[in-house]
C-alpha atoms as a PDB file:
ATOM      1  CA  UNK A   1     -19.425   9.153  -1.094  1.00  0.00           C
ATOM      2  CA  UNK A   2     -16.509   8.903  -2.588  1.00  0.00           C
ATOM      3  CA  UNK A   3     -15.365  12.938  -3.747  1.00  0.00           C
ATOM      4  CA  UNK A   4     -14.984  12.834  -7.175  1.00  0.00           C
ATOM      5  CA  UNK A   5     -11.942  15.724  -7.890  1.00  0.00           C
ATOM      6  CA  UNK A   6     -12.048  15.465 -11.751  1.00  0.00           C
ATOM      7  CA  UNK A   7     -14.639  12.959 -13.135  1.00  0.00           C
ATOM      8  CA  UNK A   8     -13.266  13.142 -16.947  1.00  0.00           C
ATOM      9  CA  UNK A   9     -12.255  10.025 -18.556  1.00  0.00           C
ATOM     10  CA  UNK A  10      -9.019   9.189 -20.499  1.00  0.00           C
ATOM     11  CA  UNK A  11     -10.744   6.886 -22.734  1.00  0.00           C
ATOM     12  CA  UNK A  12     -14.967   6.397 -22.174  1.00  0.00           C
ATOM     13  CA  UNK A  13     -14.266   2.894 -21.694  1.00  0.00           C
ATOM     14  CA  UNK A  14     -14.332   0.732 -18.936  1.00  0.00           C
ATOM     15  CA  UNK A  15     -12.449  -0.077 -16.288  1.00  0.00           C
ATOM     16  CA  UNK A  16     -10.243  -3.185 -17.348  1.00  0.00           C
ATOM     17  CA  UNK A  17      -8.444  -4.048 -14.144  1.00  0.00           C
ATOM     18  CA  UNK A  18      -7.904  -2.693 -10.647  1.00  0.00           C
ATOM     19  CA  UNK A  19      -4.868  -2.095  -9.437  1.00  0.00           C
ATOM     20  CA  UNK A  20      -3.538  -1.333  -5.187  1.00  0.00           C
ATOM     21  CA  UNK A  21      -1.340  -0.389  -3.197  1.00  0.00           C
ATOM     22  CA  UNK A  22      -1.062  -3.093   0.386  1.00  0.00           C
ATOM     23  CA  UNK A  23      -0.326  -1.262   3.130  1.00  0.00           C
ATOM     24  CA  UNK A  24      -3.109   1.638   4.528  1.00  0.00           C
ATOM     25  CA  UNK A  25      -4.872   0.809   1.142  1.00  0.00           C
ATOM     26  CA  UNK A  26      -6.303  -2.967   0.467  1.00  0.00           C
ATOM     27  CA  UNK A  27      -5.063  -4.412   3.736  1.00  0.00           C
ATOM     28  CA  UNK A  28      -4.578  -2.709   7.817  1.00  0.00           C
ATOM     29  CA  UNK A  29      -1.617  -3.974   8.430  1.00  0.00           C
ATOM     30  CA  UNK A  30      -0.407  -1.219  11.176  1.00  0.00           C
ATOM     31  CA  UNK A  31      -1.230  -3.833  14.325  1.00  0.00           C
ATOM     32  CA  UNK A  32       1.640  -6.602  13.377  1.00  0.00           C
ATOM     33  CA  UNK A  33       3.929  -4.137  12.224  1.00  0.00           C
ATOM     34  CA  UNK A  34       3.432  -1.753  15.203  1.00  0.00           C
ATOM     35  CA  UNK A  35       3.725  -5.797  17.254  1.00  0.00           C
ATOM     36  CA  UNK A  36       6.630  -6.031  15.167  1.00  0.00           C
ATOM     37  CA  UNK A  37       7.378  -3.104  16.466  1.00  0.00           C
ATOM     38  CA  UNK A  38       6.876  -2.754  19.888  1.00  0.00           C
ATOM     39  CA  UNK A  39       8.962  -6.857  20.748  1.00  0.00           C
ATOM     40  CA  UNK A  40      12.076  -4.431  18.894  1.00  0.00           C
ATOM     41  CA  UNK A  41      11.179  -2.087  21.636  1.00  0.00           C
ATOM     42  CA  UNK A  42      10.983  -4.900  23.918  1.00  0.00           C
ATOM     43  CA  UNK A  43      14.645  -6.433  23.243  1.00  0.00           C
ATOM     44  CA  UNK A  44      16.431  -2.690  23.798  1.00  0.00           C
ATOM     45  CA  UNK A  45      14.752  -2.087  27.129  1.00  0.00           C
ATOM     46  CA  UNK A  46      12.578   0.789  25.672  1.00  0.00           C
ATOM     47  CA  UNK A  47       8.420   1.500  26.216  1.00  0.00           C
ATOM     48  CA  UNK A  48       6.138  -0.289  23.635  1.00  0.00           C
ATOM     49  CA  UNK A  49       3.898   2.606  21.021  1.00  0.00           C
ATOM     50  CA  UNK A  50       0.937   2.116  21.119  1.00  0.00           C
ATOM     51  CA  UNK A  51      -1.332   1.063  17.488  1.00  0.00           C
ATOM     52  CA  UNK A  52      -2.459   4.994  17.004  1.00  0.00           C
ATOM     53  CA  UNK A  53       1.309   6.364  17.854  1.00  0.00           C
ATOM     54  CA  UNK A  54       2.468   3.531  14.681  1.00  0.00           C
ATOM     55  CA  UNK A  55      -0.282   4.022  12.259  1.00  0.00           C
ATOM     56  CA  UNK A  56       0.296   6.771  10.272  1.00  0.00           C
ATOM     57  CA  UNK A  57       3.639   5.801   9.743  1.00  0.00           C
ATOM     58  CA  UNK A  58       3.462   2.122   8.271  1.00  0.00           C
ATOM     59  CA  UNK A  59       3.032   3.250   4.638  1.00  0.00           C
ATOM     60  CA  UNK A  60       6.192   4.521   5.066  1.00  0.00           C
ATOM     61  CA  UNK A  61       8.108   1.123   5.624  1.00  0.00           C
ATOM     62  CA  UNK A  62      10.889  -0.109   7.902  1.00  0.00           C
ATOM     63  CA  UNK A  63      12.946   2.653   8.443  1.00  0.00           C
ATOM     64  CA  UNK A  64       9.837   4.952   9.212  1.00  0.00           C
ATOM     65  CA  UNK A  65       9.022   2.211  11.761  1.00  0.00           C
ATOM     66  CA  UNK A  66      12.226   1.889  13.216  1.00  0.00           C
ATOM     67  CA  UNK A  67      13.003   5.966  13.538  1.00  0.00           C
ATOM     68  CA  UNK A  68       9.921   6.443  15.089  1.00  0.00           C
ATOM     69  CA  UNK A  69      10.718   3.968  17.294  1.00  0.00           C
ATOM     70  CA  UNK A  70      14.430   4.662  17.964  1.00  0.00           C
ATOM     71  CA  UNK A  71      15.007   8.068  16.446  1.00  0.00           C
ATOM     72  CA  UNK A  72      16.811   9.222  13.286  1.00  0.00           C
ATOM     73  CA  UNK A  73      19.736   7.062  11.641  1.00  0.00           C
ATOM     74  CA  UNK A  74      22.284   9.437  12.630  1.00  0.00           C
ATOM     75  CA  UNK A  75      25.625  10.833  10.333  1.00  0.00           C
ATOM     76  CA  UNK A  76      28.264   8.407  11.782  1.00  0.00           C
ATOM     77  CA  UNK A  77      29.290   4.921  10.633  1.00  0.00           C
ATOM     78  CA  UNK A  78      28.940   3.381  13.911  1.00  0.00           C
ATOM     79  CA  UNK A  79      24.927   5.160  13.893  1.00  0.00           C
ATOM     80  CA  UNK A  80      24.043   4.366  10.503  1.00  0.00           C
ATOM     81  CA  UNK A  81      25.076   0.885  11.031  1.00  0.00           C
ATOM     82  CA  UNK A  82      23.258   0.211  14.850  1.00  0.00           C
ATOM     83  CA  UNK A  83      20.138   2.370  12.666  1.00  0.00           C
ATOM     84  CA  UNK A  84      20.610  -0.552   9.575  1.00  0.00           C
ATOM     85  CA  UNK A  85      20.867  -3.805  12.478  1.00  0.00           C
ATOM     86  CA  UNK A  86      17.130  -2.393  14.054  1.00  0.00           C
ATOM     87  CA  UNK A  87      16.122  -1.895  10.615  1.00  0.00           C
ATOM     88  CA  UNK A  88      16.703  -5.763   9.630  1.00  0.00           C
ATOM     89  CA  UNK A  89      15.939  -7.178  13.378  1.00  0.00           C
ATOM     90  CA  UNK A  90      12.465  -5.659  13.015  1.00  0.00           C
ATOM     91  CA  UNK A  91      11.895  -7.109   9.505  1.00  0.00           C
ATOM     92  CA  UNK A  92      12.770 -10.617  10.976  1.00  0.00           C
ATOM     93  CA  UNK A  93      10.019  -9.747  13.739  1.00  0.00           C
ATOM     94  CA  UNK A  94       7.579  -8.460  11.838  1.00  0.00           C
ATOM     95  CA  UNK A  95       8.555 -12.006   9.044  1.00  0.00           C
ATOM     96  CA  UNK A  96       7.953 -14.496  12.408  1.00  0.00           C
ATOM     97  CA  UNK A  97       4.044 -12.641  12.718  1.00  0.00           C
ATOM     98  CA  UNK A  98       3.544 -11.653   8.839  1.00  0.00           C
ATOM     99  CA  UNK A  99      -0.888 -12.464   9.384  1.00  0.00           C
ATOM    100  CA  UNK A 100      -1.025 -12.262  13.373  1.00  0.00           C
ATOM    101  CA  UNK A 101      -3.992  -9.331  12.949  1.00  0.00           C
ATOM    102  CA  UNK A 102      -3.379  -7.863   9.415  1.00  0.00           C
ATOM    103  CA  UNK A 103      -6.911  -8.234   7.359  1.00  0.00           C
ATOM    104  CA  UNK A 104      -8.509  -6.553   4.693  1.00  0.00           C
ATOM    105  CA  UNK A 105     -10.008  -3.130   4.795  1.00  0.00           C
ATOM    106  CA  UNK A 106     -13.702  -3.307   6.028  1.00  0.00           C
ATOM    107  CA  UNK A 107     -15.721  -3.376   2.781  1.00  0.00           C
ATOM    108  CA  UNK A 108     -12.757  -4.838   0.639  1.00  0.00           C
ATOM    109  CA  UNK A 109     -13.789  -7.792   0.699  1.00  0.00           C
ATOM    110  CA  UNK A 110     -17.284  -7.656  -0.813  1.00  0.00           C
ATOM    111  CA  UNK A 111     -15.794  -4.501  -3.545  1.00  0.00           C
ATOM    112  CA  UNK A 112     -13.086  -6.623  -4.718  1.00  0.00           C
ATOM    113  CA  UNK A 113     -16.221  -9.711  -5.059  1.00  0.00           C
ATOM    114  CA  UNK A 114     -18.428  -7.389  -6.940  1.00  0.00           C
ATOM    115  CA  UNK A 115     -15.358  -6.549  -8.900  1.00  0.00           C
ATOM    116  CA  UNK A 116     -14.558 -10.276  -9.671  1.00  0.00           C
ATOM    117  CA  UNK A 117     -18.014 -10.856 -10.828  1.00  0.00           C
ATOM    118  CA  UNK A 118     -18.604  -8.197 -13.557  1.00  0.00           C
ATOM    119  CA  UNK A 119     -15.172  -9.890 -14.463  1.00  0.00           C
ATOM    120  CA  UNK A 120     -12.479  -7.596 -13.723  1.00  0.00           C
ATOM    121  CA  UNK A 121      -9.603  -8.283 -12.730  1.00  0.00           C
ATOM    122  CA  UNK A 122      -7.553  -6.389  -9.554  1.00  0.00           C
ATOM    123  CA  UNK A 123      -3.266  -6.046  -8.305  1.00  0.00           C
ATOM    124  CA  UNK A 124      -1.131  -4.851  -5.810  1.00  0.00           C
ATOM    125  CA  UNK A 125       1.960  -2.462  -6.837  1.00  0.00           C
ATOM    126  CA  UNK A 126       3.186  -2.513  -3.767  1.00  0.00           C
ATOM    127  CA  UNK A 127       7.559  -1.087  -2.740  1.00  0.00           C
ATOM    128  CA  UNK A 128       6.501  -3.710   0.292  1.00  0.00           C
ATOM    129  CA  UNK A 129       9.374  -6.197   0.034  1.00  0.00           C
ATOM    130  CA  UNK A 130       8.845  -9.494  -2.401  1.00  0.00           C
ATOM    131  CA  UNK A 131      10.024 -12.251   1.339  1.00  0.00           C
ATOM    132  CA  UNK A 132       6.920 -10.054   3.008  1.00  0.00           C
ATOM    133  CA  UNK A 133       4.877  -9.575   0.348  1.00  0.00           C
ATOM    134  CA  UNK A 134       4.083 -12.726  -1.366  1.00  0.00           C
ATOM    135  CA  UNK A 135       3.682 -15.358   2.229  1.00  0.00           C
ATOM    136  CA  UNK A 136       1.070 -12.280   3.363  1.00  0.00           C
ATOM    137  CA  UNK A 137      -0.996 -12.249   0.793  1.00  0.00           C
ATOM    138  CA  UNK A 138      -0.836 -16.046   0.310  1.00  0.00           C
ATOM    139  CA  UNK A 139      -1.664 -16.308   3.954  1.00  0.00           C
ATOM    140  CA  UNK A 140      -4.935 -14.568   3.537  1.00  0.00           C
ATOM    141  CA  UNK A 141      -5.786 -16.593   0.330  1.00  0.00           C
ATOM    142  CA  UNK A 142      -5.100 -13.320  -2.016  1.00  0.00           C
ATOM    143  CA  UNK A 143      -2.212 -14.444  -4.122  1.00  0.00           C
ATOM    144  CA  UNK A 144      -4.820 -16.716  -6.393  1.00  0.00           C
ATOM    145  CA  UNK A 145      -7.471 -13.858  -6.942  1.00  0.00           C
ATOM    146  CA  UNK A 146      -4.815 -11.728  -7.347  1.00  0.00           C
ATOM    147  CA  UNK A 147      -4.157 -10.640 -11.610  1.00  0.00           C
ATOM    148  CA  UNK A 148      -0.952  -9.442 -10.881  1.00  0.00           C
ATOM    149  CA  UNK A 149       2.032  -8.505  -7.641  1.00  0.00           C
ATOM    150  CA  UNK A 150       4.393  -6.351  -8.021  1.00  0.00           C
ATOM    151  CA  UNK A 151       6.348  -5.760  -5.089  1.00  0.00           C
ATOM    152  CA  UNK A 152       9.013  -3.418  -4.083  1.00  0.00           C
ATOM    153  CA  UNK A 153      11.539  -5.844  -5.416  1.00  0.00           C
ATOM    154  CA  UNK A 154       9.651  -7.371  -8.144  1.00  0.00           C
ATOM    155  CA  UNK A 155      11.921  -4.950 -10.328  1.00  0.00           C
ATOM    156  CA  UNK A 156      14.275  -2.488 -10.276  1.00  0.00           C
ATOM    157  CA  UNK A 157      12.354   0.075 -10.216  1.00  0.00           C
ATOM    158  CA  UNK A 158       9.799   1.429  -6.965  1.00  0.00           C
ATOM    159  CA  UNK A 159       7.433   3.543  -6.809  1.00  0.00           C
ATOM    160  CA  UNK A 160       6.461   6.346  -7.428  1.00  0.00           C
ATOM    161  CA  UNK A 161       8.406   5.541 -11.187  1.00  0.00           C
ATOM    162  CA  UNK A 162       4.939   4.221 -13.117  1.00  0.00           C
ATOM    163  CA  UNK A 163       7.181   1.153 -14.540  1.00  0.00           C
ATOM    164  CA  UNK A 164       5.618  -1.051 -11.527  1.00  0.00           C
ATOM    165  CA  UNK A 165       2.153  -0.465 -12.836  1.00  0.00           C
ATOM    166  CA  UNK A 166       2.831  -0.863 -16.425  1.00  0.00           C
ATOM    167  CA  UNK A 167       3.816  -4.206 -15.267  1.00  0.00           C
ATOM    168  CA  UNK A 168       0.725  -4.939 -13.151  1.00  0.00           C
ATOM    169  CA  UNK A 169      -1.419  -3.755 -16.148  1.00  0.00           C
ATOM    170  CA  UNK A 170       1.222  -5.939 -18.341  1.00  0.00           C
ATOM    171  CA  UNK A 171       0.531  -8.938 -16.449  1.00  0.00           C
ATOM    172  CA  UNK A 172      -3.115  -8.313 -16.252  1.00  0.00           C
ATOM    173  CA  UNK A 173      -3.902  -7.685 -19.756  1.00  0.00           C
ATOM    174  CA  UNK A 174      -4.604  -4.275 -19.654  1.00  0.00           C
ATOM    175  CA  UNK A 175      -3.696  -1.010 -21.215  1.00  0.00           C
ATOM    176  CA  UNK A 176      -2.678   0.856 -18.023  1.00  0.00           C
ATOM    177  CA  UNK A 177      -4.649   3.802 -19.514  1.00  0.00           C
ATOM    178  CA  UNK A 178      -7.834   1.177 -18.470  1.00  0.00           C
ATOM    179  CA  UNK A 179      -6.801   0.917 -14.699  1.00  0.00           C
ATOM    180  CA  UNK A 180      -7.656   2.203 -11.690  1.00  0.00           C
ATOM    181  CA  UNK A 181      -4.830   3.022  -9.154  1.00  0.00           C
ATOM    182  CA  UNK A 182      -5.486   3.151  -5.305  1.00  0.00           C
ATOM    183  CA  UNK A 183      -2.789   4.298  -2.732  1.00  0.00           C
ATOM    184  CA  UNK A 184      -2.909   5.581   0.594  1.00  0.00           C
ATOM    185  CA  UNK A 185       0.192   7.914   0.096  1.00  0.00           C
ATOM    186  CA  UNK A 186       1.894  11.067  -2.367  1.00  0.00           C
ATOM    187  CA  UNK A 187       4.588   7.876  -4.232  1.00  0.00           C
ATOM    188  CA  UNK A 188       0.858   6.265  -5.156  1.00  0.00           C
ATOM    189  CA  UNK A 189      -0.589   8.580  -7.069  1.00  0.00           C
ATOM    190  CA  UNK A 190       2.014  10.009  -8.615  1.00  0.00           C
ATOM    191  CA  UNK A 191       3.125   7.201 -10.001  1.00  0.00           C
ATOM    192  CA  UNK A 192      -0.186   6.610 -10.993  1.00  0.00           C
ATOM    193  CA  UNK A 193      -0.391   9.448 -12.665  1.00  0.00           C
ATOM    194  CA  UNK A 194       3.015   9.392 -14.310  1.00  0.00           C
ATOM    195  CA  UNK A 195       1.300   5.826 -16.292  1.00  0.00           C
ATOM    196  CA  UNK A 196      -2.153   7.401 -16.807  1.00  0.00           C
ATOM    197  CA  UNK A 197      -4.092   5.768 -14.844  1.00  0.00           C
ATOM    198  CA  UNK A 198      -7.002   7.009 -12.925  1.00  0.00           C
ATOM    199  CA  UNK A 199      -5.906   7.616  -9.138  1.00  0.00           C
ATOM    200  CA  UNK A 200      -7.992   7.417  -6.292  1.00  0.00           C
ATOM    201  CA  UNK A 201      -6.512   8.453  -2.730  1.00  0.00           C
ATOM    202  CA  UNK A 202      -8.229   5.644  -0.040  1.00  0.00           C
ATOM    203  CA  UNK A 203      -8.599   8.339   2.563  1.00  0.00           C
ATOM    204  CA  UNK A 204      -9.392   5.739   5.265  1.00  0.00           C
ATOM    205  CA  UNK A 205      -5.412   4.609   5.055  1.00  0.00           C
ATOM    206  CA  UNK A 206      -2.936   5.433   6.959  1.00  0.00           C
ATOM    207  CA  UNK A 207      -2.557   9.219   5.785  1.00  0.00           C
ATOM    208  CA  UNK A 208      -1.230  11.421   9.064  1.00  0.00           C
ATOM    209  CA  UNK A 209      -2.089  15.076   9.323  1.00  0.00           C
ATOM    210  CA  UNK A 210       0.705  16.693   7.786  1.00  0.00           C
ATOM    211  CA  UNK A 211       0.216  14.963   4.645  1.00  0.00           C
ATOM    212  CA  UNK A 212      -1.794  17.342   2.231  1.00  0.00           C
ATOM    213  CA  UNK A 213      -3.795  14.440   0.030  1.00  0.00           C
ATOM    214  CA  UNK A 214      -5.553  17.288  -2.109  1.00  0.00           C
ATOM    215  CA  UNK A 215      -2.503  18.739  -3.488  1.00  0.00           C
ATOM    216  CA  UNK A 216      -1.699  15.199  -5.226  1.00  0.00           C
ATOM    217  CA  UNK A 217      -3.356  15.227  -8.028  1.00  0.00           C
ATOM    218  CA  UNK A 218      -5.647  12.427  -8.078  1.00  0.00           C
ATOM    219  CA  UNK A 219      -9.227  11.794  -9.500  1.00  0.00           C
ATOM    220  CA  UNK A 220     -11.075  11.403  -6.759  1.00  0.00           C
ATOM    221  CA  UNK A 221     -10.808  10.616  -2.585  1.00  0.00           C
ATOM    222  CA  UNK A 222     -12.783   7.524  -1.582  1.00  0.00           C
ATOM    223  CA  UNK A 223     -13.672   7.138   2.384  1.00  0.00           C
ATOM    224  CA  UNK A 224     -14.130   3.477   1.803  1.00  0.00           C
ATOM    225  CA  UNK A 225     -13.287   0.721  -0.478  1.00  0.00           C
ATOM    226  CA  UNK A 226     -17.411   0.568  -1.536  1.00  0.00           C
ATOM    227  CA  UNK A 227     -16.689   4.095  -2.791  1.00  0.00           C
ATOM    228  CA  UNK A 228     -14.086   2.064  -5.955  1.00  0.00           C
ATOM    229  CA  UNK A 229     -17.497   0.627  -7.622  1.00  0.00           C
ATOM    230  CA  UNK A 230     -18.832   3.514  -8.381  1.00  0.00           C
ATOM    231  CA  UNK A 231     -15.188   4.693 -10.762  1.00  0.00           C
ATOM    232  CA  UNK A 232     -15.570   1.429 -12.156  1.00  0.00           C
ATOM    233  CA  UNK A 233     -17.806   2.861 -15.252  1.00  0.00           C
ATOM    234  CA  UNK A 234     -18.121   6.226 -16.874  1.00  0.00           C
END
């Protein structure tokens, strides 16, 4: 069951829209991102990493994944260039096999179907670039179902800036204050709070032991996608 940290409603009305972060919240993308990193490691004669090694780094994007595999960037121009080349190669490998093992988290399809049956639009707000986000959602048949998809390069601002969330609310034709935003990273909760949305932490997502989600200031914590349902009406 969901753990309600703060159950006060900002406006007392039914939720107008549910917005999701992508990696680690809506989709379990870690298997394919792990595969891409291992393909890069193999190209450079290094040992592969396990899914468990990589899982908690996925929400932090390509920089975090390459750092995990090869170490931090370094200070010299040569080291920075080598890191960037590896990052671009990682993205190229990932793009080629974007949706092999990626899937909705268990229980998410049923939750989305319930939300849709209530006539509540849902959308995606992610820092993942559009050239990866759009084909991924298309391959999973989710692109036509989402009322809004805001990627990391849709506008100039990215989370934790609230601007992408405001855009998604506008595209879903609801007020930001009538939205729930669900995410598994501190920047998700910061962005949602700044937009005056109700915010939920997806504890099933990519949260490592060093992070302190209890300090992020979310309205609640969900252990399973179905826990979102009890937040739809107050």
